[in-house]
Amino acid sequence: MNKYIFNCTNAIVLVLLSISAFNVNAREFVMSYDGFYDRLKIVNKGDFQYARVNFYISDIGTNETCAIKSGTILTERNEYPLNFTDKAQLLLPFDKQLDTDKAVIVVEPLNPVHDCQLKLQIEANELEGLAFSKQSLYTINEELDELLTDLSGFFVSKLMWFLLPEQKGVAVTFKSPMQFDDENITCEKSVCYFAVEDSWEDDSAVLGDISNVIKVTPWIVK
């Protein structure tokens, strides 16, 4: 099941993410800022409390994290430092001027032999203060589904809706393996799949400690 979900998620990334990327040399990975700006603009226009679109650098062959040594945002006249995490997440500003100035993002991988790629991830990973309940997962599921539709654009979501895979619920990644006694929840090690139902909207019973949750992503099925 995980392999199929992984493949579906990658397919969504390919449909949604059209950001020009190329290698200047073996050590640098370069991307145009305008593609990032377009996606960030959609998120900023929406009323999303938890759903985000995040950008990561991963190895093409293994999909493992491409650790970043350094990063820069370049325009014709200026140079700015690129902020990133130890998980190779790019912390990009939402900046109209960078878009106007046709900025590029330059990333130098820590390992020069890595063949890196850009990965877009729709997720909720800022959950501080949220109760971990079916009610909260219902809310997050609705937001992730809406953001996925918004990012796919009018052409795909309205005219070619059949190309979009079904979002059955959410996949929750925990810090350690978990198990739940519920037919709508299945777990594989530290990732659990929640088949969200309409009845969850009013179910505020706490399922566990939110601090054990790393992230919540769409659970995509055929």
Protein backbone atom coordinates (compact mmCIF):
# COMPACT_ATOMS: atom_id res chain seq x y z
CA MET A 1 0.00 0.00 0.00
CA ASN A 2 2.76 2.45 0.92
CA LYS A 3 4.46 1.99 -2.44
CA TYR A 4 1.26 2.82 -4.30
CA ILE A 5 0.56 5.83 -2.10
CA PHE A 6 4.14 7.01 -2.62
CA ASN A 7 3.79 6.69 -6.41
CA CYS A 8 0.48 8.55 -6.41
CA THR A 9 1.95 11.34 -4.32
CA ASN A 10 4.87 11.66 -6.72
CA ALA A 11 2.44 11.81 -9.63
CA ILE A 12 0.62 14.68 -7.94
CA VAL A 13 3.92 16.48 -7.47
CA LEU A 14 4.67 16.15 -11.18
CA VAL A 15 1.25 17.52 -12.10
CA LEU A 16 1.29 20.40 -9.63
CA LEU A 17 4.90 21.47 -9.67
CA SER A 18 6.35 23.05 -12.77
CA ILE A 19 9.43 24.84 -11.49
CA SER A 20 12.40 25.18 -13.79
CA ALA A 21 15.43 23.43 -12.32
CA PHE A 22 18.87 22.70 -13.75
CA ASN A 23 22.39 21.91 -12.63
CA VAL A 24 24.99 24.61 -13.12
CA ASN A 25 27.64 22.09 -12.15
CA ALA A 26 27.78 18.83 -10.24
CA ARG A 27 27.60 20.64 -6.91
CA GLU A 28 24.79 23.15 -7.53
CA PHE A 29 21.06 22.76 -7.96
CA VAL A 30 19.37 25.85 -9.44
CA MET A 31 15.64 26.68 -9.62
CA SER A 32 13.60 29.65 -10.78
CA TYR A 33 11.81 31.47 -7.95
CA ASP A 34 8.66 32.22 -9.97
CA GLY A 35 7.34 28.67 -9.67
CA PHE A 36 7.65 28.80 -5.89
CA TYR A 37 5.98 32.21 -5.79
CA ASP A 38 2.97 30.99 -7.78
CA ARG A 39 2.35 28.15 -5.29
CA LEU A 40 2.93 30.32 -2.23
CA LYS A 41 0.48 32.88 -3.61
CA ILE A 42 -2.25 30.22 -3.77
CA VAL A 43 -1.64 29.27 -0.13
CA ASN A 44 -1.67 32.91 0.97
CA LYS A 45 -4.95 33.56 -0.85
CA GLY A 46 -6.64 30.61 0.83
CA ASP A 47 -8.00 30.51 4.37
CA PHE A 48 -5.73 27.72 5.59
CA GLN A 49 -4.96 27.38 9.26
CA TYR A 50 -2.89 24.19 9.02
CA ALA A 51 -2.39 23.16 5.38
CA ARG A 52 0.85 24.27 3.77
CA VAL A 53 2.82 23.61 0.62
CA ASN A 54 6.43 22.94 1.54
CA PHE A 55 9.48 22.44 -0.65
CA TYR A 56 12.21 19.86 -0.08
CA ILE A 57 15.37 18.69 -1.85
CA SER A 58 15.66 14.91 -2.19
CA ASP A 59 17.86 12.38 -3.97
CA ILE A 60 16.38 11.29 -7.32
CA GLY A 61 17.39 7.66 -6.93
CA THR A 62 16.50 7.02 -3.29
CA ASN A 63 14.11 9.87 -2.45
CA GLU A 64 16.19 10.36 0.70
CA THR A 65 16.96 13.84 1.97
CA CYS A 66 19.63 15.76 0.06
CA ALA A 67 21.35 17.50 2.97
CA ILE A 68 22.09 21.11 2.10
CA LYS A 69 25.50 22.70 2.61
CA SER A 70 24.52 26.23 1.56
CA GLY A 71 21.89 28.14 -0.36
CA THR A 72 21.47 31.52 -2.01
CA ILE A 73 18.69 33.60 -3.58
CA LEU A 74 20.08 35.50 -6.56
CA THR A 75 18.75 38.36 -8.66
CA GLU A 76 20.59 40.36 -11.29
CA ARG A 77 21.63 42.92 -8.68
CA ASN A 78 21.32 41.30 -5.27
CA GLU A 79 22.20 38.17 -3.33
CA TYR A 80 20.37 36.90 -0.25
CA PRO A 81 20.99 33.91 2.04
CA LEU A 82 18.59 30.99 1.64
CA ASN A 83 17.15 29.60 4.86
CA PHE A 84 16.71 25.83 5.09
CA THR A 85 16.30 23.07 7.68
CA ASP A 86 18.31 19.95 8.46
CA LYS A 87 15.52 18.04 6.66
CA ALA A 88 16.40 19.92 3.44
CA GLN A 89 13.23 21.99 3.55
CA LEU A 90 13.59 25.31 1.74
CA LEU A 91 12.23 28.18 3.86
CA LEU A 92 11.38 30.59 1.08
CA PRO A 93 9.93 34.08 1.51
CA PHE A 94 6.70 35.07 -0.22
CA ASP A 95 8.11 38.10 -2.01
CA LYS A 96 6.60 39.79 -5.06
CA GLN A 97 9.82 41.70 -5.74
CA LEU A 98 11.84 38.48 -6.04
CA ASP A 99 9.28 37.25 -8.56
CA THR A 100 9.49 40.52 -10.52
CA ASP A 101 13.29 40.42 -10.44
CA LYS A 102 13.28 36.85 -11.81
CA ALA A 103 15.25 35.52 -8.87
CA VAL A 104 16.81 32.06 -8.89
CA ILE A 105 17.43 29.69 -5.98
CA VAL A 106 20.89 28.10 -5.82
CA VAL A 107 21.38 25.10 -3.53
CA GLU A 108 24.70 23.37 -2.87
CA PRO A 109 24.21 19.80 -1.57
CA LEU A 110 26.39 18.64 1.31
CA ASN A 111 27.20 15.47 -0.65
CA PRO A 112 28.45 16.46 -4.14
CA VAL A 113 27.62 13.04 -5.62
CA HIS A 114 23.92 13.38 -4.81
CA ASP A 115 21.68 13.84 -7.85
CA CYS A 116 19.04 16.05 -6.27
CA GLN A 117 15.48 16.95 -7.21
CA LEU A 118 12.85 19.33 -5.90
CA LYS A 119 9.89 17.78 -4.09
CA LEU A 120 6.66 19.58 -3.28
CA GLN A 121 4.76 18.32 -0.24
CA ILE A 122 1.26 19.34 0.77
CA GLU A 123 1.20 18.86 4.53
CA ALA A 124 0.30 20.17 7.96
CA ASN A 125 3.33 20.23 10.25
CA GLU A 126 2.71 23.26 12.48
CA LEU A 127 0.29 21.76 14.99
CA GLU A 128 1.27 23.31 18.31
CA GLY A 129 -1.72 23.88 20.59
CA LEU A 130 -4.00 21.60 18.56
CA ALA A 131 -5.79 18.70 20.26
CA PHE A 132 -5.07 15.41 18.49
CA SER A 133 -8.62 14.22 17.82
CA LYS A 134 -10.79 12.97 14.96
CA GLN A 135 -12.31 16.44 14.86
CA SER A 136 -8.93 18.08 14.25
CA LEU A 137 -8.02 15.45 11.64
CA TYR A 138 -11.33 16.15 9.89
CA THR A 139 -10.45 19.85 9.73
CA ILE A 140 -6.94 19.16 8.45
CA ASN A 141 -8.27 16.68 5.88
CA GLU A 142 -10.68 19.32 4.53
CA GLU A 143 -7.89 21.89 4.27
CA LEU A 144 -5.46 19.51 2.55
CA ASP A 145 -8.12 18.49 0.05
CA GLU A 146 -8.99 22.12 -0.69
CA LEU A 147 -5.34 23.10 -1.11
CA LEU A 148 -4.71 20.16 -3.42
CA THR A 149 -7.64 21.26 -5.58
CA ASP A 150 -6.50 24.90 -5.58
CA LEU A 151 -2.96 23.96 -6.59
CA SER A 152 -4.19 21.72 -9.40
CA GLY A 153 -5.86 24.74 -10.98
CA PHE A 154 -9.08 25.20 -12.90
CA PHE A 155 -8.09 23.10 -15.90
CA VAL A 156 -7.40 19.94 -13.92
CA SER A 157 -9.91 20.33 -11.08
CA LYS A 158 -12.88 21.37 -13.26
CA LEU A 159 -12.29 20.02 -16.76
CA MET A 160 -10.03 17.04 -16.06
CA TRP A 161 -11.17 16.15 -12.54
CA PHE A 162 -10.88 12.45 -13.36
CA LEU A 163 -7.08 12.82 -13.38
CA LEU A 164 -7.03 13.69 -9.69
CA PRO A 165 -6.68 10.68 -7.37
CA GLU A 166 -9.10 10.36 -4.47
CA GLN A 167 -8.06 11.65 -1.07
CA LYS A 168 -9.39 9.02 1.32
CA GLY A 169 -8.13 10.69 4.46
CA VAL A 170 -4.85 11.65 6.05
CA ALA A 171 -1.53 9.95 6.75
CA VAL A 172 -0.05 10.89 10.11
CA THR A 173 3.67 10.45 10.72
CA PHE A 174 4.55 9.95 14.38
CA LYS A 175 7.86 10.06 16.20
CA SER A 176 7.51 6.37 17.12
CA PRO A 177 5.38 3.35 16.09
CA MET A 178 1.69 3.64 16.97
CA GLN A 179 -1.44 1.48 17.07
CA PHE A 180 -5.13 2.40 17.38
CA ASP A 181 -8.10 0.15 18.08
CA ASP A 182 -10.27 1.58 15.30
CA GLU A 183 -11.33 0.04 11.98
CA ASN A 184 -10.84 3.40 10.25
CA ILE A 185 -7.20 3.61 11.32
CA THR A 186 -4.38 1.40 10.05
CA CYS A 187 -0.76 1.77 11.07
CA GLU A 188 2.52 0.67 9.55
CA LYS A 189 5.30 1.39 12.02
CA SER A 190 5.31 5.15 12.66
CA VAL A 191 2.83 6.08 9.90
CA CYS A 192 -0.92 5.69 10.44
CA TYR A 193 -3.65 6.09 7.82
CA PHE A 194 -6.92 7.65 8.96
CA ALA A 195 -9.98 7.07 6.75
CA VAL A 196 -11.75 10.31 7.62
CA GLU A 197 -15.55 10.23 7.82
CA ASP A 198 -18.12 13.04 8.04
CA SER A 199 -19.04 11.95 11.57
CA TRP A 200 -15.55 12.95 12.73
CA GLU A 201 -16.43 16.64 12.41
CA ASP A 202 -17.98 16.63 15.90
CA ASP A 203 -15.81 13.97 17.57
CA SER A 204 -13.49 15.85 19.93
CA ALA A 205 -12.28 12.82 21.92
CA VAL A 206 -8.49 13.03 22.27
CA LEU A 207 -6.57 10.27 20.46
CA GLY A 208 -3.15 11.01 21.87
CA ASP A 209 -0.48 13.65 22.43
CA ILE A 210 -0.12 16.07 19.51
CA SER A 211 3.58 16.49 20.38
CA ASN A 212 4.17 12.96 19.05
CA VAL A 213 2.95 13.98 15.58
CA ILE A 214 5.59 15.02 13.05
CA LYS A 215 3.31 15.84 10.13
CA VAL A 216 -0.06 15.15 8.50
CA THR A 217 -0.23 14.58 4.74
CA PRO A 218 -3.00 13.59 2.30
CA TRP A 219 -3.76 9.86 2.09
CA ILE A 220 -4.14 9.30 -1.63
CA VAL A 221 -5.79 6.19 -3.08
CA LYS A 222 -6.94 5.19 -6.57
